[in-house]
N, C-alpha and C. Protein backbone atom coordinates (compact mmCIF):
# COMPACT_ATOMS: atom_id res chain seq x y z
N UNK A 1 -17.14 -13.85 -26.19
CA UNK A 1 -17.46 -12.40 -25.88
C UNK A 1 -16.79 -11.56 -26.84
N UNK A 2 -17.52 -10.38 -26.40
CA UNK A 2 -16.94 -9.01 -27.56
C UNK A 2 -15.89 -8.51 -27.04
N UNK A 3 -14.85 -7.85 -27.44
CA UNK A 3 -14.26 -7.29 -26.90
C UNK A 3 -14.84 -5.99 -26.08
N UNK A 4 -15.81 -5.08 -26.82
CA UNK A 4 -16.51 -4.65 -25.75
C UNK A 4 -16.75 -4.95 -24.40
N UNK A 5 -17.27 -6.56 -24.52
CA UNK A 5 -18.01 -6.97 -23.27
C UNK A 5 -17.19 -7.00 -22.51
N UNK A 6 -15.66 -8.01 -22.52
CA UNK A 6 -14.58 -7.90 -22.09
C UNK A 6 -13.91 -6.72 -21.49
N UNK A 7 -13.95 -5.75 -22.25
CA UNK A 7 -13.74 -4.34 -21.59
C UNK A 7 -14.48 -4.00 -20.28
N UNK A 8 -15.72 -4.20 -20.81
CA UNK A 8 -16.77 -3.61 -20.02
C UNK A 8 -17.07 -4.25 -18.08
N UNK A 9 -16.63 -6.00 -18.62
CA UNK A 9 -16.37 -6.74 -17.54
C UNK A 9 -14.83 -6.49 -16.61
N UNK A 10 -13.87 -5.96 -17.80
CA UNK A 10 -12.68 -5.73 -16.99
C UNK A 10 -12.69 -4.75 -15.97
N UNK A 11 -13.43 -3.97 -16.39
CA UNK A 11 -13.51 -2.54 -16.11
C UNK A 11 -14.41 -2.56 -14.59
N UNK A 12 -15.38 -3.29 -14.41
CA UNK A 12 -16.62 -3.65 -13.33
C UNK A 12 -15.57 -4.43 -12.44
N UNK A 13 -14.77 -5.46 -12.46
CA UNK A 13 -14.27 -6.18 -11.74
C UNK A 13 -13.02 -6.08 -11.44
N UNK A 14 -12.34 -5.29 -12.12
CA UNK A 14 -11.27 -4.35 -11.71
C UNK A 14 -11.10 -3.52 -10.66
N UNK A 15 -12.74 -2.81 -10.36
CA UNK A 15 -12.57 -1.58 -9.87
C UNK A 15 -13.81 -1.87 -8.46
N UNK A 16 -14.16 -3.13 -8.44
CA UNK A 16 -14.27 -3.75 -6.93
C UNK A 16 -13.21 -4.36 -6.68
N UNK A 17 -12.44 -5.37 -7.57
CA UNK A 17 -11.25 -5.98 -6.50
C UNK A 17 -10.28 -4.81 -6.08
N UNK A 18 -9.97 -4.07 -6.64
CA UNK A 18 -8.86 -3.02 -6.47
C UNK A 18 -9.63 -2.24 -5.15
N UNK A 19 -11.21 -1.73 -5.51
CA UNK A 19 -11.54 -1.58 -3.83
C UNK A 19 -11.32 -2.09 -2.71
N UNK A 20 -12.17 -3.57 -2.72
CA UNK A 20 -11.98 -4.51 -1.94
C UNK A 20 -10.44 -4.78 -1.00
N UNK A 21 -9.55 -4.44 -1.94
CA UNK A 21 -8.12 -5.07 -1.73
C UNK A 21 -7.67 -3.69 -1.34
N UNK A 22 -7.53 -2.62 -1.25
CA UNK A 22 -6.87 -1.72 -1.37
C UNK A 22 -7.97 -0.32 -1.39
N UNK A 23 -8.86 -0.40 -1.33
CA UNK A 23 -9.82 0.39 -0.68
C UNK A 23 -9.53 2.01 -1.67
N UNK A 24 -9.02 1.99 -2.87
CA UNK A 24 -8.72 2.88 -3.85
C UNK A 24 -8.87 2.08 -4.63
N UNK A 25 -9.61 2.90 -6.07
CA UNK A 25 -9.20 2.28 -7.52
C UNK A 25 -7.78 2.35 -8.24
N UNK A 26 -7.73 1.80 -9.06
CA UNK A 26 -5.98 1.82 -9.46
C UNK A 26 -6.20 2.72 -11.11
N UNK A 27 -7.76 3.71 -11.16
CA UNK A 27 -7.22 3.98 -12.27
C UNK A 27 -7.98 3.02 -13.80
N UNK A 28 -8.59 3.53 -14.39
CA UNK A 28 -9.53 3.00 -15.33
C UNK A 28 -8.49 2.01 -16.31
N UNK A 29 -7.52 2.31 -17.04
CA UNK A 29 -6.70 1.62 -17.58
C UNK A 29 -6.36 0.07 -16.79
N UNK A 30 -5.90 0.53 -15.37
CA UNK A 30 -5.28 -0.48 -15.12
C UNK A 30 -6.69 -1.77 -14.33
N UNK A 31 -7.38 -1.06 -13.85
CA UNK A 31 -8.73 -1.75 -13.47
C UNK A 31 -9.57 -2.56 -14.61
N UNK A 32 -9.16 -2.18 -15.85
CA UNK A 32 -9.36 -2.86 -17.06
C UNK A 32 -8.42 -4.13 -16.87
N UNK A 33 -7.14 -3.81 -17.47
CA UNK A 33 -6.40 -4.67 -17.21
C UNK A 33 -6.65 -5.79 -15.82
N UNK A 34 -6.66 -5.32 -14.77
CA UNK A 34 -6.90 -6.05 -13.78
C UNK A 34 -7.95 -6.94 -13.82
N UNK A 35 -9.45 -6.82 -14.07
CA UNK A 35 -10.55 -7.19 -14.25
C UNK A 35 -10.17 -8.15 -15.52
N UNK A 36 -9.24 -7.45 -16.29
CA UNK A 36 -9.56 -8.85 -17.86
C UNK A 36 -8.67 -10.15 -17.32
N UNK A 37 -7.47 -10.03 -16.55
CA UNK A 37 -6.09 -10.74 -16.16
C UNK A 37 -7.47 -11.55 -15.01
N UNK A 38 -7.89 -11.52 -14.15
CA UNK A 38 -8.34 -11.63 -12.92
C UNK A 38 -9.92 -12.32 -13.47
N UNK A 39 -10.32 -12.12 -14.35
CA UNK A 39 -11.78 -13.27 -15.53
C UNK A 39 -10.91 -14.12 -16.00
N UNK A 40 -9.43 -14.10 -16.47
CA UNK A 40 -8.54 -15.46 -16.60
C UNK A 40 -8.12 -16.30 -15.65
N UNK A 41 -7.74 -15.49 -14.65
CA UNK A 41 -7.46 -16.39 -13.59
C UNK A 41 -8.66 -16.77 -12.62
N UNK A 42 -9.76 -16.14 -12.67
CA UNK A 42 -10.73 -16.91 -11.96
C UNK A 42 -11.37 -17.69 -12.74
N UNK A 43 -11.54 -17.61 -14.00
CA UNK A 43 -11.98 -18.57 -14.66
C UNK A 43 -11.41 -19.99 -14.95
N UNK A 44 -10.01 -19.98 -14.77
CA UNK A 44 -9.09 -21.11 -14.59
C UNK A 44 -9.64 -21.77 -13.38
N UNK A 45 -9.35 -20.99 -12.38
CA UNK A 45 -9.89 -21.46 -10.90
C UNK A 45 -10.91 -22.10 -10.62
N UNK A 46 -12.28 -21.19 -11.32
CA UNK A 46 -13.62 -22.24 -10.72
C UNK A 46 -13.40 -23.30 -12.33
N UNK A 47 -13.21 -23.30 -13.39
CA UNK A 47 -12.69 -24.64 -13.96
C UNK A 47 -11.73 -25.97 -13.35
N UNK A 48 -10.90 -25.44 -12.69
CA UNK A 48 -10.51 -26.40 -12.07
C UNK A 48 -10.90 -27.00 -10.57
N UNK A 49 -11.48 -26.43 -10.17
CA UNK A 49 -12.58 -26.88 -8.68
C UNK A 49 -13.78 -27.73 -9.55
N UNK A 50 -14.05 -26.97 -11.00
CA UNK A 50 -15.15 -28.24 -11.09
C UNK A 50 -16.35 -27.05 -11.88
N UNK A 51 -16.09 -26.03 -11.20
CA UNK A 51 -17.33 -25.18 -11.12
C UNK A 51 -17.17 -23.90 -12.62
N UNK A 52 -18.39 -23.56 -13.35
CA UNK A 52 -18.34 -23.00 -14.60
C UNK A 52 -17.74 -21.62 -14.27
N UNK A 53 -16.60 -21.42 -15.60
CA UNK A 53 -15.71 -20.47 -15.86
C UNK A 53 -16.74 -19.12 -16.59
N UNK A 54 -15.58 -18.25 -16.64
CA UNK A 54 -16.92 -17.19 -17.31
C UNK A 54 -17.86 -17.42 -18.29
N UNK A 55 -18.70 -16.86 -18.38
CA UNK A 55 -20.15 -17.44 -19.29
C UNK A 55 -21.05 -15.77 -20.49
N UNK A 56 -20.45 -14.88 -20.15
CA UNK A 56 -20.88 -13.76 -20.42
C UNK A 56 -20.56 -12.83 -19.55
N UNK A 57 -21.48 -11.72 -20.11
CA UNK A 57 -21.21 -10.45 -19.33
C UNK A 57 -22.60 -10.72 -18.51
N UNK A 58 -22.70 -11.18 -17.13
CA UNK A 58 -23.43 -11.69 -16.07
C UNK A 58 -22.73 -11.23 -15.01
N UNK A 59 -23.98 -11.30 -13.76
CA UNK A 59 -23.56 -11.29 -12.40
C UNK A 59 -22.60 -12.43 -12.24
N UNK A 60 -22.84 -13.93 -12.56
CA UNK A 60 -21.81 -14.94 -12.03
C UNK A 60 -20.10 -13.99 -12.86
N UNK A 61 -20.31 -14.10 -14.04
CA UNK A 61 -18.84 -13.60 -14.65
C UNK A 61 -18.11 -12.47 -14.04
N UNK A 62 -19.36 -11.39 -13.62
CA UNK A 62 -18.32 -10.35 -12.92
C UNK A 62 -17.71 -10.95 -11.20
N UNK A 63 -18.50 -12.05 -10.45
CA UNK A 63 -17.86 -12.40 -9.51
C UNK A 63 -17.05 -13.25 -9.89
N UNK A 64 -17.28 -14.14 -10.88
CA UNK A 64 -15.81 -14.68 -11.40
C UNK A 64 -14.59 -14.11 -11.27
N UNK A 65 -14.76 -12.97 -12.27
CA UNK A 65 -13.66 -12.43 -12.39
C UNK A 65 -12.86 -11.12 -10.87
N UNK A 66 -14.13 -10.94 -10.04
CA UNK A 66 -13.74 -10.43 -9.23
C UNK A 66 -12.74 -11.37 -8.10
N UNK A 67 -13.35 -12.60 -8.20
CA UNK A 67 -12.86 -13.17 -7.39
C UNK A 67 -11.05 -13.65 -7.65
N UNK A 68 -10.89 -13.59 -9.21
CA UNK A 68 -9.86 -13.81 -9.59
C UNK A 68 -8.97 -12.56 -9.68
N UNK A 69 -9.42 -11.42 -9.90
CA UNK A 69 -8.70 -9.88 -9.71
C UNK A 69 -8.12 -9.70 -7.89
N UNK A 70 -8.64 -10.33 -7.05
CA UNK A 70 -8.66 -10.06 -5.80
C UNK A 70 -7.41 -11.21 -5.35
N UNK A 71 -7.21 -12.29 -6.02
CA UNK A 71 -6.21 -13.45 -6.46
C UNK A 71 -4.86 -12.87 -6.89
N UNK A 72 -5.34 -12.22 -8.05
CA UNK A 72 -4.06 -10.99 -8.65
C UNK A 72 -3.53 -10.58 -8.00
N UNK A 73 -4.15 -9.13 -7.21
CA UNK A 73 -3.78 -8.49 -6.41
C UNK A 73 -3.33 -9.17 -5.09
N UNK A 74 -3.57 -9.92 -4.41
CA UNK A 74 -3.15 -10.50 -3.31
C UNK A 74 -1.30 -11.17 -3.57
N UNK A 75 -1.46 -11.68 -4.68
CA UNK A 75 -0.19 -11.80 -5.42
C UNK A 75 0.43 -11.23 -5.85
N UNK A 76 0.28 -10.19 -6.40
CA UNK A 76 1.17 -9.14 -6.82
C UNK A 76 1.88 -8.20 -5.45
N UNK A 77 0.60 -8.22 -4.55
CA UNK A 77 1.37 -7.59 -3.18
C UNK A 77 1.89 -8.41 -2.63
N UNK A 78 1.90 -9.70 -2.50
CA UNK A 78 2.97 -10.52 -1.75
C UNK A 78 4.46 -10.35 -2.62
N UNK A 79 3.98 -10.55 -3.44
CA UNK A 79 5.48 -10.02 -4.37
C UNK A 79 6.23 -9.19 -4.47
N UNK A 80 5.30 -7.70 -4.59
CA UNK A 80 5.87 -6.47 -4.43
C UNK A 80 6.49 -6.31 -3.01
N UNK A 81 6.02 -6.30 -2.07
CA UNK A 81 5.95 -6.34 -1.05
C UNK A 81 7.26 -6.78 -0.14
N UNK A 82 7.45 -8.31 -0.57
CA UNK A 82 8.84 -8.82 -0.39
C UNK A 82 9.74 -8.28 -1.03
N UNK A 83 9.84 -7.98 -2.60
CA UNK A 83 10.87 -7.14 -2.88
C UNK A 83 11.52 -5.77 -3.01
N UNK A 84 10.22 -5.05 -2.35
CA UNK A 84 11.31 -3.36 -1.70
C UNK A 84 11.56 -4.14 -0.14
N UNK A 85 11.17 -4.61 0.25
CA UNK A 85 11.32 -4.87 1.91
C UNK A 85 12.66 -5.18 2.22
N UNK A 86 13.26 -6.15 1.57
CA UNK A 86 14.80 -6.72 1.44
C UNK A 86 15.58 -6.34 0.98
N UNK A 87 16.29 -5.34 1.80
CA UNK A 87 17.60 -4.37 1.29
C UNK A 87 18.75 -5.01 2.11
N UNK A 88 19.00 -6.17 1.87
CA UNK A 88 20.56 -6.81 2.51
C UNK A 88 21.62 -7.20 1.78
């Protein structure tokens, strides 16, 4: 995929995932980064279970990237919530 396709995929997937998890967007740059990282994580997870990873700029790849981005957000919130809550 081209750089432009990765940016578009990242923006769409990051925006959808941040709306699903946080109910708000993270901002254009963070949505793109979240979507690209989500695409990499989602592609790894899907190939790990035997499914097809990211195939290009299409609906299937957006779904894979959104699932990966949701996983990344849940892990981020679990780690960030745990580290800020313990002040002992």
